[in-house]
Amino acid sequence: MGLTFRSGDYIRHVSFGGRTIKDGEAAAIWNVNGVHKQIIGPKRKWMYNSTIRFLTRHKAESHQYIRVAHRNGNVQYIYGPSELYMNPALHDSVEVYDGIKLKSNSECIIVYGKKSSHCQEGITESFDKVVSTAVLASDTDTTEATESKSSINHPSETRTQKREIRGPILFLPSVNESIHTFNWSFDNTFQVLHTDPNRIWSVDLPITTCDSAKFS
């Protein structure tokens, strides 16, 4: 059993015997017929002509989230604090990402998507809800308002929405959201835009003159 925690690099074929899966460990076992079963410790498991593979643990803290790509094509975001064992029978990939912390109102990001995001220090209203409310408020005819709302929510007319998120906030995106990456120079790419008018930007641009002299 040992004192260390085993992970995805531990794979064994067991003709006959047992393995102890400690508290804090998990394992995937395939029996002689190829049937899969996941076991989360603590547990003692006896096997016959089986293959056991211990699973790698992924952890997200309160400012992070876990992106899980399932084998059936679905993508899931799990917000911290949480943990997940990467099981090759169920998952294609498991990755942990940090949320984006906007420290003040002068910092912002541009988000593309159609649903509200998961925020810890505030609630950001989705653009879809604003549009639907505006349609209902401006339409005095209830029937026309219902038809307008239905046309907005119709899948065939779904469009990518763009919205601005300002701090102070910890932003954790949802599955169908992406964050715009700014690229203002060759080596200067970023996602958080600083709009403070007193902020000084330092941009290094290589310039070549007509006589082939180079400077920046």
N, C-alpha and C. Protein backbone atom coordinates (compact mmCIF):
# COMPACT_ATOMS: atom_id res chain seq x y z
N MET A 1 0.83 -1.21 0.00
CA MET A 1 0.00 0.00 0.00
C MET A 1 0.87 1.25 0.00
N GLY A 2 1.80 1.33 0.90
CA GLY A 2 2.71 2.46 0.90
C GLY A 2 2.12 3.71 1.53
N LEU A 3 2.99 4.69 1.73
CA LEU A 3 2.58 5.94 2.37
C LEU A 3 2.23 7.02 1.37
N THR A 4 2.73 6.92 0.14
CA THR A 4 2.47 7.95 -0.87
C THR A 4 1.14 7.68 -1.56
N PHE A 5 0.57 8.75 -2.12
CA PHE A 5 -0.68 8.63 -2.86
C PHE A 5 -0.37 8.28 -4.32
N ARG A 6 -1.01 7.23 -4.81
CA ARG A 6 -0.80 6.80 -6.19
C ARG A 6 -1.72 7.57 -7.13
N SER A 7 -1.26 7.76 -8.38
CA SER A 7 -2.03 8.53 -9.36
C SER A 7 -2.08 7.76 -10.69
N GLY A 8 -2.31 8.48 -11.78
CA GLY A 8 -2.58 7.85 -13.06
C GLY A 8 -1.43 7.07 -13.67
N ASP A 9 -0.22 7.21 -13.15
CA ASP A 9 0.90 6.45 -13.70
C ASP A 9 1.01 5.05 -13.09
N TYR A 10 0.11 4.71 -12.17
CA TYR A 10 0.11 3.38 -11.54
C TYR A 10 -0.93 2.52 -12.26
N ILE A 11 -0.47 1.58 -13.09
CA ILE A 11 -1.34 0.66 -13.83
C ILE A 11 -0.80 -0.76 -13.62
N ARG A 12 -1.65 -1.68 -13.17
CA ARG A 12 -1.22 -3.04 -12.92
C ARG A 12 -2.31 -4.02 -13.40
N HIS A 13 -1.82 -5.19 -13.88
CA HIS A 13 -2.72 -6.31 -14.14
C HIS A 13 -2.63 -7.27 -12.96
N VAL A 14 -3.76 -7.61 -12.40
CA VAL A 14 -3.81 -8.46 -11.21
C VAL A 14 -4.44 -9.80 -11.60
N SER A 15 -3.64 -10.87 -11.57
CA SER A 15 -4.20 -12.21 -11.87
C SER A 15 -5.13 -12.66 -10.75
N PHE A 16 -4.65 -12.57 -9.54
CA PHE A 16 -5.50 -12.84 -8.38
C PHE A 16 -4.86 -12.15 -7.17
N GLY A 17 -5.62 -11.33 -6.51
CA GLY A 17 -5.09 -10.62 -5.35
C GLY A 17 -5.94 -9.41 -5.03
N GLY A 18 -5.43 -8.59 -4.14
CA GLY A 18 -6.18 -7.43 -3.71
C GLY A 18 -5.33 -6.17 -3.69
N ARG A 19 -6.00 -5.05 -3.69
CA ARG A 19 -5.35 -3.75 -3.57
C ARG A 19 -6.15 -2.92 -2.56
N THR A 20 -5.41 -2.19 -1.75
CA THR A 20 -6.05 -1.27 -0.80
C THR A 20 -6.02 0.13 -1.39
N ILE A 21 -7.18 0.69 -1.55
CA ILE A 21 -7.32 2.06 -2.05
C ILE A 21 -7.52 2.95 -0.84
N LYS A 22 -6.51 3.73 -0.54
CA LYS A 22 -6.51 4.53 0.69
C LYS A 22 -7.52 5.68 0.61
N ASP A 23 -7.83 6.20 1.77
CA ASP A 23 -8.63 7.43 1.84
C ASP A 23 -7.83 8.55 1.18
N GLY A 24 -8.40 9.21 0.18
CA GLY A 24 -7.69 10.22 -0.59
C GLY A 24 -7.23 9.71 -1.94
N GLU A 25 -7.49 8.43 -2.21
CA GLU A 25 -7.16 7.84 -3.50
C GLU A 25 -8.44 7.36 -4.20
N ALA A 26 -8.32 7.14 -5.52
CA ALA A 26 -9.40 6.55 -6.30
C ALA A 26 -8.77 5.70 -7.39
N ALA A 27 -9.51 4.69 -7.84
CA ALA A 27 -8.98 3.78 -8.85
C ALA A 27 -10.09 3.35 -9.79
N ALA A 28 -9.70 3.04 -11.03
CA ALA A 28 -10.61 2.45 -12.02
C ALA A 28 -10.18 1.00 -12.22
N ILE A 29 -11.14 0.10 -12.20
CA ILE A 29 -10.86 -1.33 -12.34
C ILE A 29 -11.68 -1.90 -13.49
N TRP A 30 -11.01 -2.64 -14.38
CA TRP A 30 -11.67 -3.35 -15.46
C TRP A 30 -11.55 -4.85 -15.19
N ASN A 31 -12.67 -5.56 -15.12
CA ASN A 31 -12.62 -6.98 -14.82
C ASN A 31 -12.30 -7.80 -16.08
N VAL A 32 -12.38 -9.11 -15.98
CA VAL A 32 -12.00 -9.98 -17.08
C VAL A 32 -12.90 -9.80 -18.29
N ASN A 33 -14.11 -9.28 -18.09
CA ASN A 33 -15.04 -9.03 -19.19
C ASN A 33 -14.94 -7.59 -19.73
N GLY A 34 -14.02 -6.82 -19.18
CA GLY A 34 -13.86 -5.44 -19.64
C GLY A 34 -14.82 -4.45 -19.02
N VAL A 35 -15.56 -4.85 -18.02
CA VAL A 35 -16.51 -3.97 -17.35
C VAL A 35 -15.75 -3.04 -16.39
N HIS A 36 -16.06 -1.75 -16.48
CA HIS A 36 -15.35 -0.74 -15.70
C HIS A 36 -16.11 -0.39 -14.42
N LYS A 37 -15.34 -0.13 -13.37
CA LYS A 37 -15.91 0.34 -12.11
C LYS A 37 -14.93 1.28 -11.44
N GLN A 38 -15.44 2.42 -10.98
CA GLN A 38 -14.60 3.39 -10.26
C GLN A 38 -14.82 3.24 -8.76
N ILE A 39 -13.73 3.22 -8.01
CA ILE A 39 -13.78 3.06 -6.57
C ILE A 39 -13.02 4.20 -5.91
N ILE A 40 -13.66 4.85 -4.97
CA ILE A 40 -13.04 5.92 -4.19
C ILE A 40 -12.79 5.40 -2.79
N GLY A 41 -11.53 5.51 -2.33
CA GLY A 41 -11.15 4.96 -1.04
C GLY A 41 -11.76 5.70 0.14
N PRO A 42 -11.66 5.09 1.32
CA PRO A 42 -10.88 3.88 1.62
C PRO A 42 -11.66 2.59 1.35
N LYS A 43 -11.00 1.63 0.71
CA LYS A 43 -11.63 0.35 0.43
C LYS A 43 -10.57 -0.68 0.05
N ARG A 44 -10.81 -1.92 0.44
CA ARG A 44 -9.98 -3.05 0.04
C ARG A 44 -10.72 -3.80 -1.06
N LYS A 45 -10.09 -3.97 -2.22
CA LYS A 45 -10.75 -4.58 -3.37
C LYS A 45 -9.99 -5.82 -3.82
N TRP A 46 -10.72 -6.96 -3.88
CA TRP A 46 -10.13 -8.20 -4.38
C TRP A 46 -10.47 -8.35 -5.86
N MET A 47 -9.48 -8.85 -6.64
CA MET A 47 -9.63 -8.90 -8.10
C MET A 47 -9.16 -10.24 -8.65
N TYR A 48 -9.74 -10.58 -9.81
CA TYR A 48 -9.32 -11.78 -10.54
C TYR A 48 -9.22 -11.43 -12.03
N ASN A 49 -8.01 -11.60 -12.61
CA ASN A 49 -7.76 -11.26 -14.01
C ASN A 49 -8.31 -9.87 -14.35
N SER A 50 -7.93 -8.92 -13.57
CA SER A 50 -8.43 -7.55 -13.73
C SER A 50 -7.27 -6.58 -13.89
N THR A 51 -7.59 -5.41 -14.42
CA THR A 51 -6.62 -4.32 -14.56
C THR A 51 -7.05 -3.17 -13.67
N ILE A 52 -6.11 -2.66 -12.88
CA ILE A 52 -6.40 -1.54 -11.99
C ILE A 52 -5.52 -0.35 -12.38
N ARG A 53 -6.13 0.80 -12.40
CA ARG A 53 -5.40 2.04 -12.67
C ARG A 53 -5.84 3.08 -11.65
N PHE A 54 -4.87 3.59 -10.91
CA PHE A 54 -5.19 4.66 -9.96
C PHE A 54 -5.39 5.97 -10.71
N LEU A 55 -6.21 6.83 -10.16
CA LEU A 55 -6.65 8.04 -10.85
C LEU A 55 -5.96 9.28 -10.28
N THR A 56 -5.65 10.21 -11.17
CA THR A 56 -5.01 11.46 -10.77
C THR A 56 -6.06 12.43 -10.23
N ARG A 57 -5.75 13.00 -9.08
CA ARG A 57 -6.68 13.93 -8.42
C ARG A 57 -6.40 15.35 -8.88
N HIS A 58 -7.47 16.07 -9.22
CA HIS A 58 -7.39 17.49 -9.59
C HIS A 58 -8.20 18.30 -8.59
N LYS A 59 -7.63 19.40 -8.15
CA LYS A 59 -8.26 20.22 -7.10
C LYS A 59 -8.38 21.66 -7.57
N ALA A 60 -9.54 22.28 -7.31
CA ALA A 60 -9.75 23.69 -7.60
C ALA A 60 -10.06 24.41 -6.30
N GLU A 61 -9.34 25.49 -6.04
CA GLU A 61 -9.61 26.30 -4.85
C GLU A 61 -10.72 27.30 -5.16
N SER A 62 -11.01 28.18 -4.20
CA SER A 62 -12.18 29.06 -4.32
C SER A 62 -12.06 30.04 -5.48
N HIS A 63 -10.85 30.32 -5.95
CA HIS A 63 -10.66 31.25 -7.06
C HIS A 63 -10.41 30.53 -8.38
N GLN A 64 -10.68 29.22 -8.43
CA GLN A 64 -10.38 28.42 -9.61
C GLN A 64 -11.61 27.62 -10.05
N TYR A 65 -11.48 27.01 -11.23
CA TYR A 65 -12.52 26.10 -11.71
C TYR A 65 -11.88 24.96 -12.49
N ILE A 66 -12.58 23.83 -12.57
CA ILE A 66 -12.10 22.65 -13.26
C ILE A 66 -12.88 22.51 -14.57
N ARG A 67 -12.14 22.41 -15.67
CA ARG A 67 -12.77 22.16 -16.97
C ARG A 67 -12.67 20.67 -17.28
N VAL A 68 -13.83 20.03 -17.43
CA VAL A 68 -13.89 18.59 -17.66
C VAL A 68 -14.44 18.33 -19.05
N ALA A 69 -13.65 17.67 -19.90
CA ALA A 69 -14.11 17.25 -21.22
C ALA A 69 -14.48 15.78 -21.15
N HIS A 70 -15.76 15.49 -21.22
CA HIS A 70 -16.24 14.12 -21.11
C HIS A 70 -16.07 13.39 -22.44
N ARG A 71 -16.02 12.08 -22.38
CA ARG A 71 -15.85 11.27 -23.58
C ARG A 71 -17.08 11.30 -24.49
N ASN A 72 -18.23 11.67 -23.96
CA ASN A 72 -19.43 11.75 -24.78
C ASN A 72 -19.56 13.10 -25.49
N GLY A 73 -18.55 13.97 -25.33
CA GLY A 73 -18.56 15.25 -26.02
C GLY A 73 -18.99 16.43 -25.18
N ASN A 74 -19.56 16.19 -24.03
CA ASN A 74 -19.99 17.29 -23.16
C ASN A 74 -18.79 17.91 -22.45
N VAL A 75 -18.89 19.21 -22.21
CA VAL A 75 -17.87 19.95 -21.46
C VAL A 75 -18.53 20.52 -20.21
N GLN A 76 -17.88 20.34 -19.08
CA GLN A 76 -18.44 20.75 -17.79
C GLN A 76 -17.42 21.61 -17.05
N TYR A 77 -17.93 22.68 -16.40
CA TYR A 77 -17.11 23.51 -15.53
C TYR A 77 -17.54 23.25 -14.09
N ILE A 78 -16.57 22.93 -13.23
CA ILE A 78 -16.84 22.72 -11.81
C ILE A 78 -16.09 23.80 -11.04
N TYR A 79 -16.83 24.62 -10.31
CA TYR A 79 -16.23 25.75 -9.61
C TYR A 79 -15.75 25.33 -8.22
N GLY A 80 -14.59 25.89 -7.85
CA GLY A 80 -14.02 25.55 -6.57
C GLY A 80 -14.73 26.22 -5.40
N PRO A 81 -14.47 25.70 -4.19
CA PRO A 81 -13.55 24.60 -3.88
C PRO A 81 -14.16 23.24 -4.22
N SER A 82 -13.43 22.43 -4.97
CA SER A 82 -13.91 21.12 -5.39
C SER A 82 -12.72 20.27 -5.83
N GLU A 83 -13.00 18.99 -6.04
CA GLU A 83 -11.97 18.07 -6.51
C GLU A 83 -12.60 17.07 -7.46
N LEU A 84 -11.76 16.48 -8.32
CA LEU A 84 -12.24 15.49 -9.29
C LEU A 84 -11.09 14.55 -9.64
N TYR A 85 -11.41 13.27 -9.76
CA TYR A 85 -10.43 12.28 -10.19
C TYR A 85 -10.57 12.08 -11.70
N MET A 86 -9.47 12.24 -12.43
CA MET A 86 -9.48 12.07 -13.88
C MET A 86 -9.55 10.58 -14.21
N ASN A 87 -10.68 10.17 -14.79
CA ASN A 87 -10.92 8.77 -15.13
C ASN A 87 -10.91 8.62 -16.65
N PRO A 88 -9.95 7.89 -17.24
CA PRO A 88 -9.88 7.78 -18.70
C PRO A 88 -11.09 7.07 -19.31
N ALA A 89 -11.86 6.35 -18.51
CA ALA A 89 -13.07 5.72 -19.03
C ALA A 89 -14.21 6.72 -19.17
N LEU A 90 -14.11 7.86 -18.50
CA LEU A 90 -15.17 8.86 -18.50
C LEU A 90 -14.75 10.19 -19.09
N HIS A 91 -13.46 10.53 -18.97
CA HIS A 91 -13.00 11.87 -19.33
C HIS A 91 -11.90 11.82 -20.40
N ASP A 92 -11.95 12.79 -21.31
CA ASP A 92 -10.85 12.99 -22.25
C ASP A 92 -9.76 13.86 -21.64
N SER A 93 -10.16 14.85 -20.87
CA SER A 93 -9.18 15.73 -20.22
C SER A 93 -9.83 16.41 -19.03
N VAL A 94 -8.98 16.73 -18.04
CA VAL A 94 -9.38 17.49 -16.86
C VAL A 94 -8.31 18.54 -16.60
N GLU A 95 -8.71 19.81 -16.58
CA GLU A 95 -7.75 20.90 -16.42
C GLU A 95 -8.28 21.90 -15.39
N VAL A 96 -7.36 22.50 -14.65
CA VAL A 96 -7.70 23.50 -13.63
C VAL A 96 -7.25 24.88 -14.11
N TYR A 97 -8.16 25.86 -14.04
CA TYR A 97 -7.86 27.22 -14.47
C TYR A 97 -8.15 28.20 -13.34
N ASP A 98 -7.42 29.30 -13.35
CA ASP A 98 -7.66 30.39 -12.40
C ASP A 98 -8.75 31.31 -12.94
N GLY A 99 -9.56 31.84 -12.03
CA GLY A 99 -10.50 32.87 -12.41
C GLY A 99 -9.75 34.18 -12.64
N ILE A 100 -10.45 35.15 -13.21
CA ILE A 100 -9.84 36.46 -13.48
C ILE A 100 -10.32 37.43 -12.41
N LYS A 101 -9.38 37.98 -11.67
CA LYS A 101 -9.72 38.91 -10.59
C LYS A 101 -9.56 40.34 -11.09
N LEU A 102 -10.66 41.06 -11.12
CA LEU A 102 -10.65 42.48 -11.48
C LEU A 102 -10.66 43.28 -10.18
N LYS A 103 -9.60 44.02 -9.94
CA LYS A 103 -9.40 44.64 -8.65
C LYS A 103 -10.19 45.92 -8.44
N SER A 104 -10.47 46.66 -9.51
CA SER A 104 -11.17 47.93 -9.37
C SER A 104 -12.08 48.15 -10.57
N ASN A 105 -12.87 49.22 -10.49
CA ASN A 105 -13.80 49.55 -11.56
C ASN A 105 -13.09 49.96 -12.85
N SER A 106 -11.83 50.29 -12.77
CA SER A 106 -11.08 50.69 -13.97
C SER A 106 -10.54 49.49 -14.75
N GLU A 107 -10.71 48.29 -14.21
CA GLU A 107 -10.29 47.08 -14.90
C GLU A 107 -11.51 46.35 -15.45
N CYS A 108 -11.41 45.89 -16.68
CA CYS A 108 -12.55 45.23 -17.31
C CYS A 108 -12.07 44.15 -18.27
N ILE A 109 -12.99 43.25 -18.61
CA ILE A 109 -12.75 42.23 -19.61
C ILE A 109 -13.95 42.20 -20.56
N ILE A 110 -13.73 41.68 -21.76
CA ILE A 110 -14.79 41.53 -22.75
C ILE A 110 -15.11 40.04 -22.85
N VAL A 111 -16.38 39.70 -22.63
CA VAL A 111 -16.80 38.30 -22.60
C VAL A 111 -17.79 38.05 -23.73
N TYR A 112 -17.56 36.97 -24.47
CA TYR A 112 -18.48 36.53 -25.52
C TYR A 112 -19.25 35.32 -25.01
N GLY A 113 -20.57 35.34 -25.20
CA GLY A 113 -21.39 34.23 -24.75
C GLY A 113 -22.85 34.62 -24.76
N LYS A 114 -23.68 33.78 -24.17
CA LYS A 114 -25.11 34.06 -24.16
C LYS A 114 -25.76 33.82 -22.80
N LYS A 115 -24.97 33.42 -21.80
CA LYS A 115 -25.55 33.17 -20.49
C LYS A 115 -24.76 33.91 -19.42
N SER A 116 -25.40 34.03 -18.25
CA SER A 116 -24.74 34.69 -17.14
C SER A 116 -23.54 33.88 -16.67
N SER A 117 -22.53 34.57 -16.18
CA SER A 117 -21.34 33.90 -15.67
C SER A 117 -21.50 33.63 -14.18
N HIS A 118 -20.58 32.81 -13.66
CA HIS A 118 -20.55 32.49 -12.23
C HIS A 118 -19.58 33.45 -11.56
N CYS A 119 -20.10 34.37 -10.75
CA CYS A 119 -19.27 35.38 -10.11
C CYS A 119 -19.40 35.23 -8.60
N GLN A 120 -18.31 35.49 -7.89
CA GLN A 120 -18.31 35.30 -6.45
C GLN A 120 -18.61 36.58 -5.68
N GLU A 121 -18.24 37.74 -6.25
CA GLU A 121 -18.38 38.98 -5.49
C GLU A 121 -19.44 39.89 -6.10
N GLY A 122 -20.29 39.36 -6.94
CA GLY A 122 -21.33 40.16 -7.54
C GLY A 122 -22.09 39.33 -8.54
N ILE A 123 -23.21 39.84 -9.01
CA ILE A 123 -24.04 39.13 -9.97
C ILE A 123 -24.09 39.95 -11.24
N THR A 124 -23.65 39.35 -12.36
CA THR A 124 -23.66 40.03 -13.64
C THR A 124 -24.86 39.56 -14.44
N GLU A 125 -25.74 40.47 -14.81
CA GLU A 125 -26.95 40.10 -15.54
C GLU A 125 -26.60 39.79 -16.97
N SER A 126 -27.17 38.73 -17.48
CA SER A 126 -26.86 38.30 -18.84
C SER A 126 -27.46 39.27 -19.85
N PHE A 127 -26.82 39.35 -21.01
CA PHE A 127 -27.29 40.24 -22.06
C PHE A 127 -28.64 39.76 -22.60
N ASP A 128 -28.84 38.45 -22.63
CA ASP A 128 -30.10 37.91 -23.12
C ASP A 128 -31.28 38.40 -22.29
N LYS A 129 -31.09 38.44 -20.96
CA LYS A 129 -32.17 38.85 -20.08
C LYS A 129 -32.50 40.33 -20.29
N VAL A 130 -31.47 41.14 -20.52
CA VAL A 130 -31.69 42.57 -20.76
C VAL A 130 -32.48 42.77 -22.04
N VAL A 131 -32.11 42.03 -23.10
CA VAL A 131 -32.81 42.16 -24.38
C VAL A 131 -34.27 41.72 -24.24
N SER A 132 -34.50 40.59 -23.56
CA SER A 132 -35.86 40.09 -23.39
C SER A 132 -36.72 41.07 -22.61
N THR A 133 -36.16 41.68 -21.56
CA THR A 133 -36.88 42.65 -20.75
C THR A 133 -37.22 43.89 -21.56
N ALA A 134 -36.28 44.32 -22.38
CA ALA A 134 -36.50 45.51 -23.21
C ALA A 134 -37.61 45.26 -24.22
N VAL A 135 -37.66 44.07 -24.78
CA VAL A 135 -38.71 43.75 -25.75
C VAL A 135 -40.08 43.75 -25.08
N LEU A 136 -40.16 43.15 -23.87
CA LEU A 136 -41.44 43.08 -23.17
C LEU A 136 -41.91 44.46 -22.71
N ALA A 137 -40.97 45.33 -22.31
CA ALA A 137 -41.33 46.65 -21.81
C ALA A 137 -41.78 47.57 -22.93
N SER A 138 -41.21 47.43 -24.11
CA SER A 138 -41.51 48.34 -25.21
C SER A 138 -42.72 47.91 -26.01
N ASP A 139 -43.20 46.68 -25.82
CA ASP A 139 -44.31 46.14 -26.59
C ASP A 139 -45.58 46.20 -25.74
N THR A 140 -46.56 46.95 -26.12
CA THR A 140 -47.80 47.04 -25.36
C THR A 140 -48.71 45.86 -25.63
N ASP A 141 -48.55 45.25 -26.78
CA ASP A 141 -49.37 44.08 -27.13
C ASP A 141 -48.72 42.83 -26.56
N THR A 142 -49.43 42.12 -25.68
CA THR A 142 -48.87 40.93 -25.03
C THR A 142 -48.52 39.86 -26.04
N THR A 143 -49.35 39.71 -27.06
CA THR A 143 -49.10 38.68 -28.06
C THR A 143 -47.83 38.96 -28.84
N GLU A 144 -47.67 40.23 -29.27
CA GLU A 144 -46.46 40.60 -30.01
C GLU A 144 -45.23 40.45 -29.15
N ALA A 145 -45.36 40.78 -27.85
CA ALA A 145 -44.21 40.65 -26.95
C ALA A 145 -43.80 39.20 -26.81
N THR A 146 -44.79 38.30 -26.69
CA THR A 146 -44.48 36.88 -26.57
C THR A 146 -43.81 36.37 -27.82
N GLU A 147 -44.30 36.80 -29.00
CA GLU A 147 -43.68 36.37 -30.25
C GLU A 147 -42.26 36.89 -30.38
N SER A 148 -42.03 38.14 -29.94
CA SER A 148 -40.69 38.71 -30.02
C SER A 148 -39.74 37.97 -29.10
N LYS A 149 -40.21 37.63 -27.88
CA LYS A 149 -39.37 36.90 -26.94
C LYS A 149 -39.03 35.52 -27.48
N SER A 150 -40.02 34.87 -28.11
CA SER A 150 -39.78 33.53 -28.65
C SER A 150 -38.78 33.58 -29.78
N SER A 151 -38.82 34.65 -30.59
CA SER A 151 -37.88 34.74 -31.70
C SER A 151 -36.46 34.95 -31.22
N ILE A 152 -36.30 35.62 -30.07
CA ILE A 152 -34.96 35.84 -29.52
C ILE A 152 -34.39 34.54 -29.00
N ASN A 153 -35.23 33.73 -28.34
CA ASN A 153 -34.75 32.51 -27.73
C ASN A 153 -34.71 31.33 -28.70
N HIS A 154 -35.15 31.53 -29.92
CA HIS A 154 -35.16 30.43 -30.89
C HIS A 154 -33.74 30.02 -31.24
N PRO A 155 -33.41 28.74 -31.19
CA PRO A 155 -32.03 28.29 -31.42
C PRO A 155 -31.48 28.71 -32.76
N SER A 156 -32.33 28.78 -33.79
CA SER A 156 -31.83 29.12 -35.12
C SER A 156 -31.39 30.56 -35.22
N GLU A 157 -31.80 31.42 -34.26
CA GLU A 157 -31.45 32.83 -34.30
C GLU A 157 -30.49 33.21 -33.17
N THR A 158 -29.90 32.21 -32.53
CA THR A 158 -28.98 32.48 -31.44
C THR A 158 -27.72 33.15 -31.98
N ARG A 159 -27.31 34.22 -31.35
CA ARG A 159 -26.12 34.96 -31.76
C ARG A 159 -25.16 35.10 -30.58
N THR A 160 -23.90 35.24 -30.90
CA THR A 160 -22.90 35.47 -29.86
C THR A 160 -23.04 36.89 -29.33
N GLN A 161 -23.20 37.01 -28.03
CA GLN A 161 -23.36 38.30 -27.40
C GLN A 161 -22.04 38.75 -26.78
N LYS A 162 -21.81 40.03 -26.81
CA LYS A 162 -20.60 40.61 -26.22
C LYS A 162 -20.98 41.53 -25.08
N ARG A 163 -20.31 41.35 -23.95
CA ARG A 163 -20.59 42.20 -22.80
C ARG A 163 -19.30 42.54 -22.07
N GLU A 164 -19.39 43.62 -21.33
CA GLU A 164 -18.23 44.12 -20.59
C GLU A 164 -18.43 43.84 -19.11
N ILE A 165 -17.41 43.26 -18.49
CA ILE A 165 -17.43 42.97 -17.05
C ILE A 165 -16.41 43.88 -16.37
N ARG A 166 -16.85 44.63 -15.37
CA ARG A 166 -15.96 45.52 -14.64
C ARG A 166 -15.84 45.07 -13.18
N GLY A 167 -14.70 45.38 -12.59
CA GLY A 167 -14.46 45.03 -11.21
C GLY A 167 -15.10 46.00 -10.25
N PRO A 168 -14.94 45.76 -8.95
CA PRO A 168 -14.17 44.64 -8.37
C PRO A 168 -14.99 43.35 -8.35
N ILE A 169 -14.41 42.28 -8.86
CA ILE A 169 -15.12 41.01 -8.99
C ILE A 169 -14.13 39.89 -9.30
N LEU A 170 -14.50 38.68 -8.93
CA LEU A 170 -13.77 37.49 -9.35
C LEU A 170 -14.62 36.81 -10.40
N PHE A 171 -14.16 36.78 -11.63
CA PHE A 171 -14.94 36.26 -12.75
C PHE A 171 -14.53 34.83 -13.07
N LEU A 172 -15.52 33.94 -13.06
CA LEU A 172 -15.34 32.55 -13.45
C LEU A 172 -16.29 32.27 -14.60
N PRO A 173 -15.81 32.01 -15.79
CA PRO A 173 -16.69 31.89 -16.95
C PRO A 173 -17.53 30.62 -16.91
N SER A 174 -18.64 30.65 -17.65
CA SER A 174 -19.45 29.45 -17.82
C SER A 174 -18.97 28.71 -19.07
N VAL A 175 -19.58 27.57 -19.35
CA VAL A 175 -19.09 26.69 -20.41
C VAL A 175 -19.11 27.38 -21.78
N ASN A 176 -20.16 28.13 -22.07
CA ASN A 176 -20.31 28.71 -23.40
C ASN A 176 -19.82 30.15 -23.47
N GLU A 177 -18.92 30.51 -22.59
CA GLU A 177 -18.35 31.86 -22.60
C GLU A 177 -16.86 31.81 -22.91
N SER A 178 -16.39 32.83 -23.60
CA SER A 178 -14.96 32.98 -23.88
C SER A 178 -14.56 34.42 -23.62
N ILE A 179 -13.31 34.62 -23.24
CA ILE A 179 -12.81 35.94 -22.89
C ILE A 179 -11.92 36.46 -24.01
N HIS A 180 -12.16 37.68 -24.41
CA HIS A 180 -11.40 38.28 -25.51
C HIS A 180 -9.94 38.52 -25.09
N THR A 181 -9.02 38.19 -25.98
CA THR A 181 -7.60 38.43 -25.76
C THR A 181 -7.15 39.59 -26.64
N PHE A 182 -6.64 40.65 -26.00
CA PHE A 182 -6.14 41.81 -26.73
C PHE A 182 -4.71 41.55 -27.20
N ASN A 183 -4.40 42.00 -28.39
CA ASN A 183 -3.07 41.85 -28.97
C ASN A 183 -2.69 43.16 -29.63
N TRP A 184 -2.01 44.01 -28.87
CA TRP A 184 -1.71 45.36 -29.33
C TRP A 184 -0.28 45.50 -29.86
N SER A 185 0.53 44.51 -29.65
CA SER A 185 1.89 44.52 -30.18
C SER A 185 2.37 43.09 -30.30
N PHE A 186 3.60 42.91 -30.74
CA PHE A 186 4.11 41.58 -31.04
C PHE A 186 4.17 40.70 -29.79
N ASP A 187 4.57 41.25 -28.66
CA ASP A 187 4.75 40.46 -27.44
C ASP A 187 3.85 40.91 -26.31
N ASN A 188 2.79 41.64 -26.63
CA ASN A 188 1.94 42.20 -25.59
C ASN A 188 0.50 41.73 -25.80
N THR A 189 0.17 40.56 -25.24
CA THR A 189 -1.20 40.06 -25.28
C THR A 189 -1.73 40.00 -23.85
N PHE A 190 -3.00 40.35 -23.67
CA PHE A 190 -3.58 40.40 -22.34
C PHE A 190 -5.10 40.30 -22.45
N GLN A 191 -5.75 39.99 -21.33
CA GLN A 191 -7.20 39.88 -21.29
C GLN A 191 -7.85 40.97 -20.43
N VAL A 192 -7.14 41.43 -19.41
CA VAL A 192 -7.67 42.48 -18.54
C VAL A 192 -7.27 43.84 -19.11
N LEU A 193 -8.27 44.65 -19.43
CA LEU A 193 -8.02 45.98 -19.99
C LEU A 193 -8.12 47.01 -18.87
N HIS A 194 -7.06 47.82 -18.74
CA HIS A 194 -7.02 48.89 -17.74
C HIS A 194 -7.48 50.19 -18.39
N THR A 195 -8.57 50.76 -17.86
CA THR A 195 -9.15 51.97 -18.45
C THR A 195 -8.87 53.22 -17.63
N ASP A 196 -7.97 53.13 -16.67
CA ASP A 196 -7.61 54.29 -15.87
C ASP A 196 -6.95 55.34 -16.77
N PRO A 197 -7.49 56.57 -16.86
CA PRO A 197 -6.92 57.58 -17.76
C PRO A 197 -5.51 58.02 -17.36
N ASN A 198 -5.14 57.79 -16.10
CA ASN A 198 -3.81 58.18 -15.64
C ASN A 198 -2.77 57.08 -15.81
N ARG A 199 -3.19 55.93 -16.34
CA ARG A 199 -2.27 54.82 -16.51
C ARG A 199 -1.40 55.04 -17.75
N ILE A 200 -0.11 54.74 -17.62
CA ILE A 200 0.84 54.90 -18.72
C ILE A 200 1.11 53.54 -19.34
N TRP A 201 0.94 53.43 -20.65
CA TRP A 201 1.18 52.20 -21.38
C TRP A 201 2.57 52.20 -21.99
N SER A 202 3.25 51.11 -21.86
CA SER A 202 4.57 50.95 -22.46
C SER A 202 4.48 49.91 -23.57
N VAL A 203 4.58 50.36 -24.81
CA VAL A 203 4.47 49.49 -25.97
C VAL A 203 5.75 49.56 -26.78
N ASP A 204 6.34 48.40 -27.01
CA ASP A 204 7.60 48.33 -27.76
C ASP A 204 7.29 47.90 -29.19
N LEU A 205 7.49 48.83 -30.14
CA LEU A 205 7.21 48.56 -31.54
C LEU A 205 8.50 48.66 -32.35
N PRO A 206 8.94 47.57 -32.96
CA PRO A 206 10.13 47.64 -33.81
C PRO A 206 9.82 48.38 -35.11
N ILE A 207 10.71 49.31 -35.48
CA ILE A 207 10.51 50.13 -36.67
C ILE A 207 11.75 50.02 -37.56
N THR A 208 11.52 49.87 -38.84
CA THR A 208 12.61 49.82 -39.82
C THR A 208 12.45 50.98 -40.79
N THR A 209 13.49 51.82 -40.93
CA THR A 209 13.45 52.97 -41.83
C THR A 209 13.74 52.53 -43.27
N CYS A 210 13.63 53.48 -44.19
CA CYS A 210 13.83 53.18 -45.60
C CYS A 210 15.28 52.80 -45.90
N ASP A 211 16.23 53.22 -45.04
CA ASP A 211 17.63 52.83 -45.26
C ASP A 211 18.01 51.63 -44.41
N SER A 212 17.01 50.83 -44.01
CA SER A 212 17.19 49.56 -43.28
C SER A 212 17.72 49.73 -41.86
N ALA A 213 17.62 50.91 -41.30
CA ALA A 213 17.99 51.10 -39.90
C ALA A 213 16.83 50.66 -39.01
N LYS A 214 17.16 49.94 -37.94
CA LYS A 214 16.15 49.39 -37.07
C LYS A 214 16.25 50.02 -35.67
N PHE A 215 15.12 50.34 -35.10
CA PHE A 215 15.08 50.85 -33.74
C PHE A 215 13.68 50.62 -33.19
N SER A 216 13.53 50.82 -31.88
CA SER A 216 12.22 50.64 -31.25
C SER A 216 12.00 51.72 -30.21
